[in-house]
PDB file of N, CA and C in Angstrom:
ATOM      1  N   MET A   1     -36.517 -69.641  33.527  1.00  0.00           N
ATOM      2  CA  MET A   1     -36.064 -70.518  32.687  1.00  0.00           C
ATOM      3  C   MET A   1     -36.596 -72.212  33.084  1.00  0.00           C
ATOM      4  N   SER A   2     -37.275 -72.942  31.961  1.00  0.00           N
ATOM      5  CA  SER A   2     -37.797 -74.007  32.475  1.00  0.00           C
ATOM      6  C   SER A   2     -36.680 -75.202  32.726  1.00  0.00           C
ATOM      7  N   ASP A   3     -36.796 -76.328  33.703  1.00  0.00           N
ATOM      8  CA  ASP A   3     -36.019 -77.190  33.736  1.00  0.00           C
ATOM      9  C   ASP A   3     -35.258 -77.681  32.561  1.00  0.00           C
ATOM     10  N   VAL A   4     -36.259 -78.307  31.664  1.00  0.00           N
ATOM     11  CA  VAL A   4     -35.867 -78.757  30.237  1.00  0.00           C
ATOM     12  C   VAL A   4     -34.740 -77.587  29.788  1.00  0.00           C
ATOM     13  N   LYS A   5     -34.926 -76.430  29.756  1.00  0.00           N
ATOM     14  CA  LYS A   5     -34.019 -75.480  28.849  1.00  0.00           C
ATOM     15  C   LYS A   5     -32.952 -75.242  29.705  1.00  0.00           C
ATOM     16  N   LYS A   6     -32.843 -75.506  31.146  1.00  0.00           N
ATOM     17  CA  LYS A   6     -31.846 -75.303  31.891  1.00  0.00           C
ATOM     18  C   LYS A   6     -30.842 -76.531  31.638  1.00  0.00           C
ATOM     19  N   ARG A   7     -31.453 -77.713  31.574  1.00  0.00           N
ATOM     20  CA  ARG A   7     -30.427 -78.862  31.421  1.00  0.00           C
ATOM     21  C   ARG A   7     -30.137 -78.792  29.874  1.00  0.00           C
ATOM     22  N   VAL A   8     -30.824 -78.347  29.105  1.00  0.00           N
ATOM     23  CA  VAL A   8     -30.141 -78.445  27.263  1.00  0.00           C
ATOM     24  C   VAL A   8     -29.279 -77.175  27.379  1.00  0.00           C
ATOM     25  N   VAL A   9     -29.135 -76.188  28.378  1.00  0.00           N
ATOM     26  CA  VAL A   9     -28.035 -75.278  27.977  1.00  0.00           C
ATOM     27  C   VAL A   9     -26.762 -75.900  29.014  1.00  0.00           C
ATOM     28  N   ASP A  10     -27.224 -76.535  29.809  1.00  0.00           N
ATOM     29  CA  ASP A  10     -25.948 -76.935  30.590  1.00  0.00           C
ATOM     30  C   ASP A  10     -25.221 -78.138  29.614  1.00  0.00           C
ATOM     31  N   ALA A  11     -25.910 -78.676  28.820  1.00  0.00           N
ATOM     32  CA  ALA A  11     -25.641 -79.820  27.933  1.00  0.00           C
ATOM     33  C   ALA A  11     -24.762 -79.422  27.102  1.00  0.00           C
ATOM     34  N   VAL A  12     -25.252 -78.584  26.492  1.00  0.00           N
ATOM     35  CA  VAL A  12     -24.391 -77.757  25.370  1.00  0.00           C
ATOM     36  C   VAL A  12     -23.327 -77.126  25.655  1.00  0.00           C
ATOM     37  N   ALA A  13     -23.379 -76.272  26.785  1.00  0.00           N
ATOM     38  CA  ALA A  13     -22.203 -75.757  27.379  1.00  0.00           C
ATOM     39  C   ALA A  13     -21.008 -76.713  27.568  1.00  0.00           C
ATOM     40  N   ARG A  14     -21.463 -77.832  28.100  1.00  0.00           N
ATOM     41  CA  ARG A  14     -20.394 -78.962  28.220  1.00  0.00           C
ATOM     42  C   ARG A  14     -20.095 -79.382  27.041  1.00  0.00           C
ATOM     43  N   THR A  15     -20.742 -79.960  26.373  1.00  0.00           N
ATOM     44  CA  THR A  15     -20.736 -80.816  25.346  1.00  0.00           C
ATOM     45  C   THR A  15     -19.538 -79.634  24.135  1.00  0.00           C
ATOM     46  N   LEU A  16     -19.997 -78.393  24.006  1.00  0.00           N
ATOM     47  CA  LEU A  16     -19.427 -77.725  23.054  1.00  0.00           C
ATOM     48  C   LEU A  16     -18.410 -76.851  23.556  1.00  0.00           C
ATOM     49  N   LYS A  17     -18.363 -76.723  25.077  1.00  0.00           N
ATOM     50  CA  LYS A  17     -17.209 -76.367  25.629  1.00  0.00           C
ATOM     51  C   LYS A  17     -17.561 -74.356  25.420  1.00  0.00           C
ATOM     52  N   VAL A  18     -18.528 -74.325  25.680  1.00  0.00           N
ATOM     53  CA  VAL A  18     -19.023 -72.686  25.152  1.00  0.00           C
ATOM     54  C   VAL A  18     -19.641 -71.915  26.654  1.00  0.00           C
ATOM     55  N   ASP A  19     -19.309 -70.856  26.981  1.00  0.00           N
ATOM     56  CA  ASP A  19     -20.057 -70.046  27.971  1.00  0.00           C
ATOM     57  C   ASP A  19     -21.644 -70.202  27.903  1.00  0.00           C
ATOM     58  N   PRO A  20     -22.106 -70.626  28.762  1.00  0.00           N
ATOM     59  CA  PRO A  20     -23.610 -70.685  29.086  1.00  0.00           C
ATOM     60  C   PRO A  20     -24.312 -69.249  28.512  1.00  0.00           C
ATOM     61  N   ALA A  21     -23.589 -68.511  28.623  1.00  0.00           N
ATOM     62  CA  ALA A  21     -24.259 -66.897  28.535  1.00  0.00           C
ATOM     63  C   ALA A  21     -24.466 -66.731  27.283  1.00  0.00           C
ATOM     64  N   ARG A  22     -23.684 -67.255  26.335  1.00  0.00           N
ATOM     65  CA  ARG A  22     -23.701 -67.442  24.767  1.00  0.00           C
ATOM     66  C   ARG A  22     -24.818 -67.990  24.316  1.00  0.00           C
ATOM     67  N   ILE A  23     -25.461 -69.183  25.102  1.00  0.00           N
ATOM     68  CA  ILE A  23     -26.662 -69.922  24.766  1.00  0.00           C
ATOM     69  C   ILE A  23     -27.948 -69.454  24.847  1.00  0.00           C
ATOM     70  N   THR A  24     -28.322 -69.034  23.840  1.00  0.00           N
ATOM     71  CA  THR A  24     -29.880 -68.338  23.988  1.00  0.00           C
ATOM     72  C   THR A  24     -30.699 -69.161  22.846  1.00  0.00           C
ATOM     73  N   ASP A  25     -31.873 -68.938  23.116  1.00  0.00           N
ATOM     74  CA  ASP A  25     -33.059 -69.436  22.341  1.00  0.00           C
ATOM     75  C   ASP A  25     -32.607 -69.504  20.729  1.00  0.00           C
ATOM     76  N   GLU A  26     -32.222 -68.522  20.372  1.00  0.00           N
ATOM     77  CA  GLU A  26     -32.044 -68.062  18.924  1.00  0.00           C
ATOM     78  C   GLU A  26     -30.446 -68.642  18.291  1.00  0.00           C
ATOM     79  N   ALA A  27     -29.615 -68.981  19.149  1.00  0.00           N
ATOM     80  CA  ALA A  27     -28.244 -69.513  18.985  1.00  0.00           C
ATOM     81  C   ALA A  27     -28.347 -70.748  18.160  1.00  0.00           C
ATOM     82  N   ARG A  28     -27.608 -70.884  17.134  1.00  0.00           N
ATOM     83  CA  ARG A  28     -27.709 -71.793  15.917  1.00  0.00           C
ATOM     84  C   ARG A  28     -26.288 -72.598  16.643  1.00  0.00           C
ATOM     85  N   PHE A  29     -26.804 -73.883  16.703  1.00  0.00           N
ATOM     86  CA  PHE A  29     -25.697 -74.705  17.180  1.00  0.00           C
ATOM     87  C   PHE A  29     -24.154 -74.916  16.498  1.00  0.00           C
ATOM     88  N   VAL A  30     -24.498 -74.728  14.926  1.00  0.00           N
ATOM     89  CA  VAL A  30     -23.215 -74.883  14.120  1.00  0.00           C
ATOM     90  C   VAL A  30     -22.920 -73.408  13.823  1.00  0.00           C
ATOM     91  N   GLU A  31     -23.462 -72.496  13.271  1.00  0.00           N
ATOM     92  CA  GLU A  31     -23.195 -71.128  13.110  1.00  0.00           C
ATOM     93  C   GLU A  31     -22.373 -70.227  14.072  1.00  0.00           C
ATOM     94  N   ASP A  32     -23.325 -70.213  15.644  1.00  0.00           N
ATOM     95  CA  ASP A  32     -23.429 -69.416  16.489  1.00  0.00           C
ATOM     96  C   ASP A  32     -22.661 -70.154  17.435  1.00  0.00           C
ATOM     97  N   LEU A  33     -22.455 -71.300  18.057  1.00  0.00           N
ATOM     98  CA  LEU A  33     -22.120 -72.032  18.863  1.00  0.00           C
ATOM     99  C   LEU A  33     -20.640 -73.001  18.493  1.00  0.00           C
ATOM    100  N   GLY A  34     -20.270 -73.030  17.147  1.00  0.00           N
ATOM    101  CA  GLY A  34     -19.145 -73.649  16.720  1.00  0.00           C
ATOM    102  C   GLY A  34     -19.287 -75.234  16.539  1.00  0.00           C
ATOM    103  N   ALA A  35     -20.441 -75.770  16.686  1.00  0.00           N
ATOM    104  CA  ALA A  35     -20.571 -77.167  16.644  1.00  0.00           C
ATOM    105  C   ALA A  35     -20.167 -77.716  15.141  1.00  0.00           C
ATOM    106  N   GLU A  36     -19.074 -78.749  15.225  1.00  0.00           N
ATOM    107  CA  GLU A  36     -18.781 -79.529  13.994  1.00  0.00           C
ATOM    108  C   GLU A  36     -19.840 -80.552  13.843  1.00  0.00           C
ATOM    109  N   SER A  37     -19.709 -81.276  12.882  1.00  0.00           N
ATOM    110  CA  SER A  37     -20.848 -82.271  12.525  1.00  0.00           C
ATOM    111  C   SER A  37     -20.914 -83.497  13.576  1.00  0.00           C
ATOM    112  N   ILE A  38     -19.456 -83.587  14.101  1.00  0.00           N
ATOM    113  CA  ILE A  38     -19.464 -84.907  15.091  1.00  0.00           C
ATOM    114  C   ILE A  38     -19.827 -84.396  16.397  1.00  0.00           C
ATOM    115  N   GLN A  39     -20.123 -83.385  16.502  1.00  0.00           N
ATOM    116  CA  GLN A  39     -20.379 -82.834  17.898  1.00  0.00           C
ATOM    117  C   GLN A  39     -22.007 -82.834  17.871  1.00  0.00           C
ATOM    118  N   SER A  40     -22.742 -82.469  16.676  1.00  0.00           N
ATOM    119  CA  SER A  40     -24.236 -82.497  16.660  1.00  0.00           C
ATOM    120  C   SER A  40     -24.503 -83.941  16.796  1.00  0.00           C
ATOM    121  N   VAL A  41     -23.832 -84.835  16.323  1.00  0.00           N
ATOM    122  CA  VAL A  41     -24.145 -86.223  16.569  1.00  0.00           C
ATOM    123  C   VAL A  41     -23.984 -86.570  18.380  1.00  0.00           C
ATOM    124  N   GLU A  42     -23.131 -86.153  18.775  1.00  0.00           N
ATOM    125  CA  GLU A  42     -22.483 -86.173  20.122  1.00  0.00           C
ATOM    126  C   GLU A  42     -23.758 -85.106  20.907  1.00  0.00           C
ATOM    127  N   LEU A  43     -24.321 -84.382  20.444  1.00  0.00           N
ATOM    128  CA  LEU A  43     -25.209 -83.593  21.244  1.00  0.00           C
ATOM    129  C   LEU A  43     -26.707 -84.453  21.530  1.00  0.00           C
ATOM    130  N   VAL A  44     -26.814 -85.214  20.261  1.00  0.00           N
ATOM    131  CA  VAL A  44     -27.944 -86.044  20.374  1.00  0.00           C
ATOM    132  C   VAL A  44     -27.763 -86.833  21.267  1.00  0.00           C
ATOM    133  N   ALA A  45     -26.743 -87.569  21.320  1.00  0.00           N
ATOM    134  CA  ALA A  45     -26.385 -88.741  22.350  1.00  0.00           C
ATOM    135  C   ALA A  45     -26.527 -88.377  23.860  1.00  0.00           C
ATOM    136  N   VAL A  46     -26.019 -86.908  23.881  1.00  0.00           N
ATOM    137  CA  VAL A  46     -25.939 -86.463  25.415  1.00  0.00           C
ATOM    138  C   VAL A  46     -27.548 -85.939  25.663  1.00  0.00           C
ATOM    139  N   PHE A  47     -28.412 -85.466  24.564  1.00  0.00           N
ATOM    140  CA  PHE A  47     -29.724 -85.044  25.366  1.00  0.00           C
ATOM    141  C   PHE A  47     -30.379 -86.459  25.363  1.00  0.00           C
ATOM    142  N   GLU A  48     -30.311 -87.546  24.797  1.00  0.00           N
ATOM    143  CA  GLU A  48     -30.780 -88.960  25.000  1.00  0.00           C
ATOM    144  C   GLU A  48     -30.470 -89.229  26.291  1.00  0.00           C
ATOM    145  N   GLU A  49     -29.189 -89.155  26.586  1.00  0.00           N
ATOM    146  CA  GLU A  49     -28.656 -89.634  27.941  1.00  0.00           C
ATOM    147  C   GLU A  49     -29.323 -88.845  29.332  1.00  0.00           C
ATOM    148  N   GLU A  50     -29.347 -87.398  28.980  1.00  0.00           N
ATOM    149  CA  GLU A  50     -29.664 -86.483  29.995  1.00  0.00           C
ATOM    150  C   GLU A  50     -31.265 -86.520  30.477  1.00  0.00           C
ATOM    151  N   PHE A  51     -32.019 -87.043  29.254  1.00  0.00           N
ATOM    152  CA  PHE A  51     -33.709 -86.853  29.319  1.00  0.00           C
ATOM    153  C   PHE A  51     -34.116 -88.207  29.246  1.00  0.00           C
ATOM    154  N   ASP A  52     -33.336 -89.261  29.302  1.00  0.00           N
ATOM    155  CA  ASP A  52     -33.793 -90.661  28.980  1.00  0.00           C
ATOM    156  C   ASP A  52     -34.847 -90.483  27.835  1.00  0.00           C
ATOM    157  N   ILE A  53     -34.334 -90.376  26.636  1.00  0.00           N
ATOM    158  CA  ILE A  53     -35.502 -90.284  25.617  1.00  0.00           C
ATOM    159  C   ILE A  53     -34.865 -90.975  24.373  1.00  0.00           C
ATOM    160  N   GLU A  54     -35.186 -91.093  23.350  1.00  0.00           N
ATOM    161  CA  GLU A  54     -34.741 -91.739  22.234  1.00  0.00           C
ATOM    162  C   GLU A  54     -35.231 -91.100  21.132  1.00  0.00           C
ATOM    163  N   MET A  55     -34.168 -89.935  20.336  1.00  0.00           N
ATOM    164  CA  MET A  55     -34.361 -89.149  19.287  1.00  0.00           C
ATOM    165  C   MET A  55     -34.407 -89.724  17.945  1.00  0.00           C
ATOM    166  N   GLU A  56     -35.115 -89.604  17.062  1.00  0.00           N
ATOM    167  CA  GLU A  56     -35.074 -89.950  15.791  1.00  0.00           C
ATOM    168  C   GLU A  56     -33.631 -89.498  15.180  1.00  0.00           C
ATOM    169  N   GLU A  57     -32.727 -89.753  14.681  1.00  0.00           N
ATOM    170  CA  GLU A  57     -31.671 -89.133  14.300  1.00  0.00           C
ATOM    171  C   GLU A  57     -31.713 -88.120  13.393  1.00  0.00           C
ATOM    172  N   GLU A  58     -32.239 -88.425  12.360  1.00  0.00           N
ATOM    173  CA  GLU A  58     -32.561 -87.318  11.382  1.00  0.00           C
ATOM    174  C   GLU A  58     -33.146 -86.349  11.406  1.00  0.00           C
ATOM    175  N   GLU A  59     -34.253 -86.522  12.491  1.00  0.00           N
ATOM    176  CA  GLU A  59     -35.035 -85.426  13.076  1.00  0.00           C
ATOM    177  C   GLU A  59     -34.372 -84.570  13.904  1.00  0.00           C
ATOM    178  N   ALA A  60     -33.714 -85.179  14.864  1.00  0.00           N
ATOM    179  CA  ALA A  60     -32.909 -84.797  15.761  1.00  0.00           C
ATOM    180  C   ALA A  60     -31.635 -83.663  14.836  1.00  0.00           C
ATOM    181  N   LEU A  61     -31.145 -84.272  14.144  1.00  0.00           N
ATOM    182  CA  LEU A  61     -30.057 -83.376  13.480  1.00  0.00           C
ATOM    183  C   LEU A  61     -30.697 -82.034  12.404  1.00  0.00           C
ATOM    184  N   ALA A  62     -31.796 -82.191  12.444  1.00  0.00           N
ATOM    185  CA  ALA A  62     -32.509 -81.136  11.980  1.00  0.00           C
ATOM    186  C   ALA A  62     -32.873 -80.123  12.559  1.00  0.00           C
ATOM    187  N   VAL A  63     -32.861 -80.078  13.822  1.00  0.00           N
ATOM    188  CA  VAL A  63     -32.883 -79.182  14.751  1.00  0.00           C
ATOM    189  C   VAL A  63     -31.726 -78.285  14.796  1.00  0.00           C
ATOM    190  N   LYS A  64     -32.026 -76.933  14.671  1.00  0.00           N
ATOM    191  CA  LYS A  64     -30.825 -76.124  14.383  1.00  0.00           C
ATOM    192  C   LYS A  64     -30.538 -75.044  15.548  1.00  0.00           C
ATOM    193  N   THR A  65     -31.462 -74.935  16.369  1.00  0.00           N
ATOM    194  CA  THR A  65     -31.291 -73.707  17.353  1.00  0.00           C
ATOM    195  C   THR A  65     -31.441 -74.545  18.683  1.00  0.00           C
ATOM    196  N   VAL A  66     -30.994 -73.686  19.768  1.00  0.00           N
ATOM    197  CA  VAL A  66     -31.020 -74.325  21.153  1.00  0.00           C
ATOM    198  C   VAL A  66     -32.975 -74.297  21.469  1.00  0.00           C
ATOM    199  N   GLY A  67     -33.556 -73.129  20.973  1.00  0.00           N
ATOM    200  CA  GLY A  67     -34.873 -72.800  21.350  1.00  0.00           C
ATOM    201  C   GLY A  67     -35.815 -74.352  20.689  1.00  0.00           C
ATOM    202  N   THR A  68     -35.288 -74.335  19.463  1.00  0.00           N
ATOM    203  CA  THR A  68     -36.232 -75.837  19.036  1.00  0.00           C
ATOM    204  C   THR A  68     -35.465 -76.853  19.627  1.00  0.00           C
ATOM    205  N   ALA A  69     -34.491 -77.037  19.922  1.00  0.00           N
ATOM    206  CA  ALA A  69     -33.873 -78.364  20.633  1.00  0.00           C
ATOM    207  C   ALA A  69     -35.017 -78.580  21.849  1.00  0.00           C
ATOM    208  N   VAL A  70     -35.057 -77.541  22.887  1.00  0.00           N
ATOM    209  CA  VAL A  70     -35.750 -77.428  24.010  1.00  0.00           C
ATOM    210  C   VAL A  70     -37.169 -77.939  23.535  1.00  0.00           C
ATOM    211  N   GLU A  71     -37.772 -77.292  22.621  1.00  0.00           N
ATOM    212  CA  GLU A  71     -39.205 -77.793  22.325  1.00  0.00           C
ATOM    213  C   GLU A  71     -39.279 -79.120  21.617  1.00  0.00           C
ATOM    214  N   PHE A  72     -38.348 -79.589  20.727  1.00  0.00           N
ATOM    215  CA  PHE A  72     -38.359 -81.132  20.335  1.00  0.00           C
ATOM    216  C   PHE A  72     -37.955 -82.116  21.543  1.00  0.00           C
ATOM    217  N   ILE A  73     -37.435 -81.675  22.646  1.00  0.00           N
ATOM    218  CA  ILE A  73     -37.119 -82.450  23.766  1.00  0.00           C
ATOM    219  C   ILE A  73     -38.505 -82.639  24.578  1.00  0.00           C
ATOM    220  N   GLU A  74     -39.180 -81.241  24.588  1.00  0.00           N
ATOM    221  CA  GLU A  74     -40.259 -81.260  25.194  1.00  0.00           C
ATOM    222  C   GLU A  74     -41.400 -82.037  24.888  1.00  0.00           C
ATOM    223  N   LYS A  75     -41.602 -82.114  23.454  1.00  0.00           N
ATOM    224  CA  LYS A  75     -42.519 -82.975  23.194  1.00  0.00           C
ATOM    225  C   LYS A  75     -42.567 -84.579  23.114  1.00  0.00           C
ATOM    226  N   LEU A  76     -41.133 -84.839  23.353  1.00  0.00           N
ATOM    227  CA  LEU A  76     -40.661 -86.217  23.430  1.00  0.00           C
ATOM    228  C   LEU A  76     -40.783 -86.653  25.129  1.00  0.00           C
ATOM    229  N   LEU A  77     -40.807 -85.656  25.784  1.00  0.00           N
ATOM    230  CA  LEU A  77     -41.015 -86.072  27.364  1.00  0.00           C
ATOM    231  C   LEU A  77     -42.580 -86.541  27.805  1.00  0.00           C
TER     232      LEU A  77
END
């Protein structure tokens, strides 16, 4: 597991209070992990802080799965 993926999984588990074992590349934030809209915004903020990056909010909120979040963040790093 890449460092970025591990940090994304840890951040998602902390923010959404889900078991890290449930967090796969294909896991969808809303449908599979139960994120509500406010938590989606919170996740963006957590990722920005975790990776010291600036995410365009509309683009970031268009990311629906853990795997695409990892790819999105890797491109910004």
